[in-house]
Amino acid sequence: MDRQLVELVFSCVDGNQKSERSFDWANFSAAIIAWEDYLHKLHKELLLSLPYWRTDGIIHIVPFEGS
């Protein structure tokens, strides 16, 4: 991971002085993990829904247990 790039993109910079807020790597890392989990869930639902969509000829919400 390029920490300098991340800090440049996500930190507030006022001229040549950085603001007093520091970058919280723990929260950033947790957000990335949560996003990856969410994408994995959506990918799984998409793959499970495809056969129903093909059969029915329409895209619709397919209820799954545990969803």
PDB file of N, CA and C in Angstrom:
ATOM      1  N   MET A   1       0.846  -1.168   0.000  1.00  0.00           N
ATOM      2  CA  MET A   1       0.000   0.000   0.000  1.00  0.00           C
ATOM      3  C   MET A   1       0.896   1.237   0.000  1.00  0.00           C
ATOM      4  N   ASP A   2       0.563   2.213  -0.799  1.00  0.00           N
ATOM      5  CA  ASP A   2       1.318   3.460  -0.876  1.00  0.00           C
ATOM      6  C   ASP A   2       0.734   4.447   0.129  1.00  0.00           C
ATOM      7  N   ARG A   3       1.317   4.482   1.321  1.00  0.00           N
ATOM      8  CA  ARG A   3       0.786   5.325   2.399  1.00  0.00           C
ATOM      9  C   ARG A   3       0.827   6.806   2.044  1.00  0.00           C
ATOM     10  N   GLN A   4       1.846   7.234   1.338  1.00  0.00           N
ATOM     11  CA  GLN A   4       1.927   8.650   0.960  1.00  0.00           C
ATOM     12  C   GLN A   4       0.777   9.034   0.040  1.00  0.00           C
ATOM     13  N   LEU A   5       0.438   8.169  -0.888  1.00  0.00           N
ATOM     14  CA  LEU A   5      -0.667   8.439  -1.796  1.00  0.00           C
ATOM     15  C   LEU A   5      -1.981   8.484  -1.034  1.00  0.00           C
ATOM     16  N   VAL A   6      -2.178   7.532  -0.134  1.00  0.00           N
ATOM     17  CA  VAL A   6      -3.410   7.503   0.658  1.00  0.00           C
ATOM     18  C   VAL A   6      -3.528   8.772   1.490  1.00  0.00           C
ATOM     19  N   GLU A   7      -2.446   9.177   2.138  1.00  0.00           N
ATOM     20  CA  GLU A   7      -2.485  10.393   2.945  1.00  0.00           C
ATOM     21  C   GLU A   7      -2.738  11.622   2.082  1.00  0.00           C
ATOM     22  N   LEU A   8      -2.161  11.660   0.911  1.00  0.00           N
ATOM     23  CA  LEU A   8      -2.379  12.780   0.006  1.00  0.00           C
ATOM     24  C   LEU A   8      -3.845  12.873  -0.403  1.00  0.00           C
ATOM     25  N   VAL A   9      -4.455  11.745  -0.706  1.00  0.00           N
ATOM     26  CA  VAL A   9      -5.839  11.726  -1.170  1.00  0.00           C
ATOM     27  C   VAL A   9      -6.821  11.988  -0.038  1.00  0.00           C
ATOM     28  N   PHE A  10      -6.586  11.394   1.132  1.00  0.00           N
ATOM     29  CA  PHE A  10      -7.583  11.434   2.192  1.00  0.00           C
ATOM     30  C   PHE A  10      -7.303  12.445   3.302  1.00  0.00           C
ATOM     31  N   SER A  11      -6.160  13.074   3.333  1.00  0.00           N
ATOM     32  CA  SER A  11      -5.906  14.055   4.387  1.00  0.00           C
ATOM     33  C   SER A  11      -6.238  15.448   3.887  1.00  0.00           C
ATOM     34  N   CYS A  12      -6.503  16.329   4.820  1.00  0.00           N
ATOM     35  CA  CYS A  12      -6.787  17.723   4.482  1.00  0.00           C
ATOM     36  C   CYS A  12      -5.476  18.483   4.474  1.00  0.00           C
ATOM     37  N   VAL A  13      -5.225  19.186   3.400  1.00  0.00           N
ATOM     38  CA  VAL A  13      -3.990  19.946   3.284  1.00  0.00           C
ATOM     39  C   VAL A  13      -4.369  21.409   3.065  1.00  0.00           C
ATOM     40  N   ASP A  14      -3.789  22.291   3.872  1.00  0.00           N
ATOM     41  CA  ASP A  14      -4.029  23.728   3.768  1.00  0.00           C
ATOM     42  C   ASP A  14      -2.715  24.389   3.381  1.00  0.00           C
ATOM     43  N   GLY A  15      -2.537  24.660   2.099  1.00  0.00           N
ATOM     44  CA  GLY A  15      -1.271  25.196   1.630  1.00  0.00           C
ATOM     45  C   GLY A  15      -0.188  24.160   1.822  1.00  0.00           C
ATOM     46  N   ASN A  16       0.867  24.523   2.529  1.00  0.00           N
ATOM     47  CA  ASN A  16       1.944  23.583   2.818  1.00  0.00           C
ATOM     48  C   ASN A  16       1.810  22.957   4.197  1.00  0.00           C
ATOM     49  N   GLN A  17       0.756  23.313   4.936  1.00  0.00           N
ATOM     50  CA  GLN A  17       0.583  22.792   6.290  1.00  0.00           C
ATOM     51  C   GLN A  17      -0.539  21.779   6.311  1.00  0.00           C
ATOM     52  N   LYS A  18      -0.278  20.654   6.951  1.00  0.00           N
ATOM     53  CA  LYS A  18      -1.322  19.648   7.120  1.00  0.00           C
ATOM     54  C   LYS A  18      -2.215  20.073   8.274  1.00  0.00           C
ATOM     55  N   SER A  19      -3.473  19.729   8.204  1.00  0.00           N
ATOM     56  CA  SER A  19      -4.373  20.044   9.301  1.00  0.00           C
ATOM     57  C   SER A  19      -3.990  19.209  10.516  1.00  0.00           C
ATOM     58  N   GLU A  20      -4.583  19.536  11.634  1.00  0.00           N
ATOM     59  CA  GLU A  20      -4.229  18.835  12.867  1.00  0.00           C
ATOM     60  C   GLU A  20      -4.867  17.455  12.948  1.00  0.00           C
ATOM     61  N   ARG A  21      -5.765  17.159  12.045  1.00  0.00           N
ATOM     62  CA  ARG A  21      -6.370  15.825  12.043  1.00  0.00           C
ATOM     63  C   ARG A  21      -5.368  14.816  11.506  1.00  0.00           C
ATOM     64  N   SER A  22      -5.215  13.732  12.216  1.00  0.00           N
ATOM     65  CA  SER A  22      -4.306  12.686  11.738  1.00  0.00           C
ATOM     66  C   SER A  22      -5.110  11.604  11.032  1.00  0.00           C
ATOM     67  N   PHE A  23      -4.456  10.908  10.175  1.00  0.00           N
ATOM     68  CA  PHE A  23      -5.112   9.838   9.427  1.00  0.00           C
ATOM     69  C   PHE A  23      -5.208   8.605  10.305  1.00  0.00           C
ATOM     70  N   ASP A  24      -6.398   8.054  10.433  1.00  0.00           N
ATOM     71  CA  ASP A  24      -6.625   6.892  11.291  1.00  0.00           C
ATOM     72  C   ASP A  24      -6.557   5.624  10.442  1.00  0.00           C
ATOM     73  N   TRP A  25      -5.405   4.965  10.460  1.00  0.00           N
ATOM     74  CA  TRP A  25      -5.186   3.768   9.649  1.00  0.00           C
ATOM     75  C   TRP A  25      -6.087   2.621  10.073  1.00  0.00           C
ATOM     76  N   ALA A  26      -6.400   2.524  11.363  1.00  0.00           N
ATOM     77  CA  ALA A  26      -7.256   1.429  11.840  1.00  0.00           C
ATOM     78  C   ALA A  26      -8.657   1.553  11.249  1.00  0.00           C
ATOM     79  N   ASN A  27      -9.220   2.767  11.258  1.00  0.00           N
ATOM     80  CA  ASN A  27     -10.552   2.968  10.681  1.00  0.00           C
ATOM     81  C   ASN A  27     -10.543   2.766   9.169  1.00  0.00           C
ATOM     82  N   PHE A  28      -9.490   3.232   8.524  1.00  0.00           N
ATOM     83  CA  PHE A  28      -9.376   3.056   7.079  1.00  0.00           C
ATOM     84  C   PHE A  28      -9.316   1.574   6.724  1.00  0.00           C
ATOM     85  N   SER A  29      -8.504   0.831   7.452  1.00  0.00           N
ATOM     86  CA  SER A  29      -8.375  -0.605   7.213  1.00  0.00           C
ATOM     87  C   SER A  29      -9.695  -1.324   7.465  1.00  0.00           C
ATOM     88  N   ALA A  30     -10.386  -0.945   8.542  1.00  0.00           N
ATOM     89  CA  ALA A  30     -11.685  -1.558   8.853  1.00  0.00           C
ATOM     90  C   ALA A  30     -12.705  -1.256   7.756  1.00  0.00           C
ATOM     91  N   ALA A  31     -12.667  -0.047   7.219  1.00  0.00           N
ATOM     92  CA  ALA A  31     -13.595   0.314   6.143  1.00  0.00           C
ATOM     93  C   ALA A  31     -13.324  -0.504   4.889  1.00  0.00           C
ATOM     94  N   ILE A  32     -12.059  -0.723   4.568  1.00  0.00           N
ATOM     95  CA  ILE A  32     -11.701  -1.539   3.400  1.00  0.00           C
ATOM     96  C   ILE A  32     -12.178  -2.972   3.587  1.00  0.00           C
ATOM     97  N   ILE A  33     -11.981  -3.521   4.773  1.00  0.00           N
ATOM     98  CA  ILE A  33     -12.417  -4.894   5.057  1.00  0.00           C
ATOM     99  C   ILE A  33     -13.934  -5.002   4.959  1.00  0.00           C
ATOM    100  N   ALA A  34     -14.652  -4.025   5.521  1.00  0.00           N
ATOM    101  CA  ALA A  34     -16.119  -4.036   5.452  1.00  0.00           C
ATOM    102  C   ALA A  34     -16.589  -3.935   4.004  1.00  0.00           C
ATOM    103  N   TRP A  35     -15.934  -3.097   3.203  1.00  0.00           N
ATOM    104  CA  TRP A  35     -16.291  -2.951   1.788  1.00  0.00           C
ATOM    105  C   TRP A  35     -16.061  -4.258   1.035  1.00  0.00           C
ATOM    106  N   GLU A  36     -14.932  -4.918   1.297  1.00  0.00           N
ATOM    107  CA  GLU A  36     -14.644  -6.198   0.640  1.00  0.00           C
ATOM    108  C   GLU A  36     -15.668  -7.255   1.031  1.00  0.00           C
ATOM    109  N   ASP A  37     -16.077  -7.286   2.302  1.00  0.00           N
ATOM    110  CA  ASP A  37     -17.108  -8.231   2.745  1.00  0.00           C
ATOM    111  C   ASP A  37     -18.432  -7.965   2.035  1.00  0.00           C
ATOM    112  N   TYR A  38     -18.788  -6.687   1.909  1.00  0.00           N
ATOM    113  CA  TYR A  38     -20.024  -6.308   1.237  1.00  0.00           C
ATOM    114  C   TYR A  38     -19.990  -6.719  -0.236  1.00  0.00           C
ATOM    115  N   LEU A  39     -18.870  -6.466  -0.904  1.00  0.00           N
ATOM    116  CA  LEU A  39     -18.741  -6.855  -2.311  1.00  0.00           C
ATOM    117  C   LEU A  39     -18.807  -8.368  -2.481  1.00  0.00           C
ATOM    118  N   HIS A  40     -18.204  -9.109  -1.558  1.00  0.00           N
ATOM    119  CA  HIS A  40     -18.259 -10.571  -1.611  1.00  0.00           C
ATOM    120  C   HIS A  40     -19.707 -11.047  -1.493  1.00  0.00           C
ATOM    121  N   LYS A  41     -20.471 -10.437  -0.584  1.00  0.00           N
ATOM    122  CA  LYS A  41     -21.883 -10.803  -0.410  1.00  0.00           C
ATOM    123  C   LYS A  41     -22.673 -10.513  -1.688  1.00  0.00           C
ATOM    124  N   LEU A  42     -22.462  -9.333  -2.279  1.00  0.00           N
ATOM    125  CA  LEU A  42     -23.173  -8.988  -3.511  1.00  0.00           C
ATOM    126  C   LEU A  42     -22.799  -9.918  -4.657  1.00  0.00           C
ATOM    127  N   HIS A  43     -21.522 -10.264  -4.762  1.00  0.00           N
ATOM    128  CA  HIS A  43     -21.062 -11.177  -5.809  1.00  0.00           C
ATOM    129  C   HIS A  43     -21.730 -12.540  -5.658  1.00  0.00           C
ATOM    130  N   LYS A  44     -21.803 -13.033  -4.437  1.00  0.00           N
ATOM    131  CA  LYS A  44     -22.438 -14.329  -4.176  1.00  0.00           C
ATOM    132  C   LYS A  44     -23.921 -14.282  -4.553  1.00  0.00           C
ATOM    133  N   GLU A  45     -24.615 -13.211  -4.153  1.00  0.00           N
ATOM    134  CA  GLU A  45     -26.036 -13.079  -4.484  1.00  0.00           C
ATOM    135  C   GLU A  45     -26.245 -13.001  -5.997  1.00  0.00           C
ATOM    136  N   LEU A  46     -25.366 -12.308  -6.679  1.00  0.00           N
ATOM    137  CA  LEU A  46     -25.456 -12.211  -8.135  1.00  0.00           C
ATOM    138  C   LEU A  46     -25.317 -13.580  -8.780  1.00  0.00           C
ATOM    139  N   LEU A  47     -24.306 -14.333  -8.363  1.00  0.00           N
ATOM    140  CA  LEU A  47     -24.088 -15.662  -8.940  1.00  0.00           C
ATOM    141  C   LEU A  47     -25.247 -16.609  -8.641  1.00  0.00           C
ATOM    142  N   LEU A  48     -25.823 -16.510  -7.447  1.00  0.00           N
ATOM    143  CA  LEU A  48     -26.955 -17.367  -7.100  1.00  0.00           C
ATOM    144  C   LEU A  48     -28.232 -16.954  -7.830  1.00  0.00           C
ATOM    145  N   SER A  49     -28.347 -15.680  -8.185  1.00  0.00           N
ATOM    146  CA  SER A  49     -29.553 -15.176  -8.845  1.00  0.00           C
ATOM    147  C   SER A  49     -29.578 -15.442 -10.344  1.00  0.00           C
ATOM    148  N   LEU A  50     -28.415 -15.550 -10.975  1.00  0.00           N
ATOM    149  CA  LEU A  50     -28.362 -15.694 -12.431  1.00  0.00           C
ATOM    150  C   LEU A  50     -29.231 -16.824 -12.984  1.00  0.00           C
ATOM    151  N   PRO A  51     -29.207 -18.028 -12.401  1.00  0.00           N
ATOM    152  CA  PRO A  51     -30.057 -19.091 -12.960  1.00  0.00           C
ATOM    153  C   PRO A  51     -31.547 -18.747 -12.918  1.00  0.00           C
ATOM    154  N   TYR A  52     -32.004 -18.072 -11.848  1.00  0.00           N
ATOM    155  CA  TYR A  52     -33.412 -17.673 -11.750  1.00  0.00           C
ATOM    156  C   TYR A  52     -33.743 -16.624 -12.803  1.00  0.00           C
ATOM    157  N   TRP A  53     -32.837 -15.690 -13.020  1.00  0.00           N
ATOM    158  CA  TRP A  53     -33.074 -14.641 -13.998  1.00  0.00           C
ATOM    159  C   TRP A  53     -33.154 -15.217 -15.401  1.00  0.00           C
ATOM    160  N   ARG A  54     -32.293 -16.187 -15.692  1.00  0.00           N
ATOM    161  CA  ARG A  54     -32.330 -16.819 -17.019  1.00  0.00           C
ATOM    162  C   ARG A  54     -33.640 -17.570 -17.219  1.00  0.00           C
ATOM    163  N   THR A  55     -34.044 -18.326 -16.208  1.00  0.00           N
ATOM    164  CA  THR A  55     -35.276 -19.113 -16.304  1.00  0.00           C
ATOM    165  C   THR A  55     -36.497 -18.214 -16.460  1.00  0.00           C
ATOM    166  N   ASP A  56     -36.570 -17.153 -15.638  1.00  0.00           N
ATOM    167  CA  ASP A  56     -37.737 -16.277 -15.641  1.00  0.00           C
ATOM    168  C   ASP A  56     -37.689 -15.232 -16.753  1.00  0.00           C
ATOM    169  N   GLY A  57     -36.505 -14.999 -17.316  1.00  0.00           N
ATOM    170  CA  GLY A  57     -36.370 -14.001 -18.373  1.00  0.00           C
ATOM    171  C   GLY A  57     -36.480 -12.575 -17.872  1.00  0.00           C
ATOM    172  N   ILE A  58     -36.280 -12.374 -16.579  1.00  0.00           N
ATOM    173  CA  ILE A  58     -36.380 -11.034 -15.998  1.00  0.00           C
ATOM    174  C   ILE A  58     -35.465 -10.953 -14.779  1.00  0.00           C
ATOM    175  N   ILE A  59     -34.921  -9.773 -14.553  1.00  0.00           N
ATOM    176  CA  ILE A  59     -34.082  -9.560 -13.374  1.00  0.00           C
ATOM    177  C   ILE A  59     -34.988  -9.117 -12.223  1.00  0.00           C
ATOM    178  N   HIS A  60     -34.929  -9.836 -11.121  1.00  0.00           N
ATOM    179  CA  HIS A  60     -35.745  -9.525  -9.949  1.00  0.00           C
ATOM    180  C   HIS A  60     -34.995  -9.956  -8.696  1.00  0.00           C
ATOM    181  N   ILE A  61     -35.480  -9.514  -7.545  1.00  0.00           N
ATOM    182  CA  ILE A  61     -34.867  -9.903  -6.275  1.00  0.00           C
ATOM    183  C   ILE A  61     -35.216 -11.354  -5.993  1.00  0.00           C
ATOM    184  N   VAL A  62     -34.210 -12.152  -5.754  1.00  0.00           N
ATOM    185  CA  VAL A  62     -34.398 -13.563  -5.424  1.00  0.00           C
ATOM    186  C   VAL A  62     -34.135 -13.711  -3.930  1.00  0.00           C
ATOM    187  N   PRO A  63     -35.170 -14.062  -3.160  1.00  0.00           N
ATOM    188  CA  PRO A  63     -34.951 -14.203  -1.711  1.00  0.00           C
ATOM    189  C   PRO A  63     -34.148 -15.464  -1.398  1.00  0.00           C
ATOM    190  N   PHE A  64     -33.122 -15.306  -0.580  1.00  0.00           N
ATOM    191  CA  PHE A  64     -32.304 -16.420  -0.130  1.00  0.00           C
ATOM    192  C   PHE A  64     -32.362 -16.476   1.383  1.00  0.00           C
ATOM    193  N   GLU A  65     -32.260 -17.675   1.936  1.00  0.00           N
ATOM    194  CA  GLU A  65     -32.217 -17.805   3.388  1.00  0.00           C
ATOM    195  C   GLU A  65     -30.959 -17.133   3.907  1.00  0.00           C
ATOM    196  N   GLY A  66     -31.090 -16.400   5.008  1.00  0.00           N
ATOM    197  CA  GLY A  66     -29.949 -15.727   5.605  1.00  0.00           C
ATOM    198  C   GLY A  66     -29.621 -14.400   4.966  1.00  0.00           C
ATOM    199  N   SER A  67     -30.435 -13.961   3.999  1.00  0.00           N
ATOM    200  CA  SER A  67     -30.167 -12.661   3.355  1.00  0.00           C
ATOM    201  C   SER A  67     -30.964 -11.580   4.029  1.00  0.00           C
TER     202      SER A  67
END
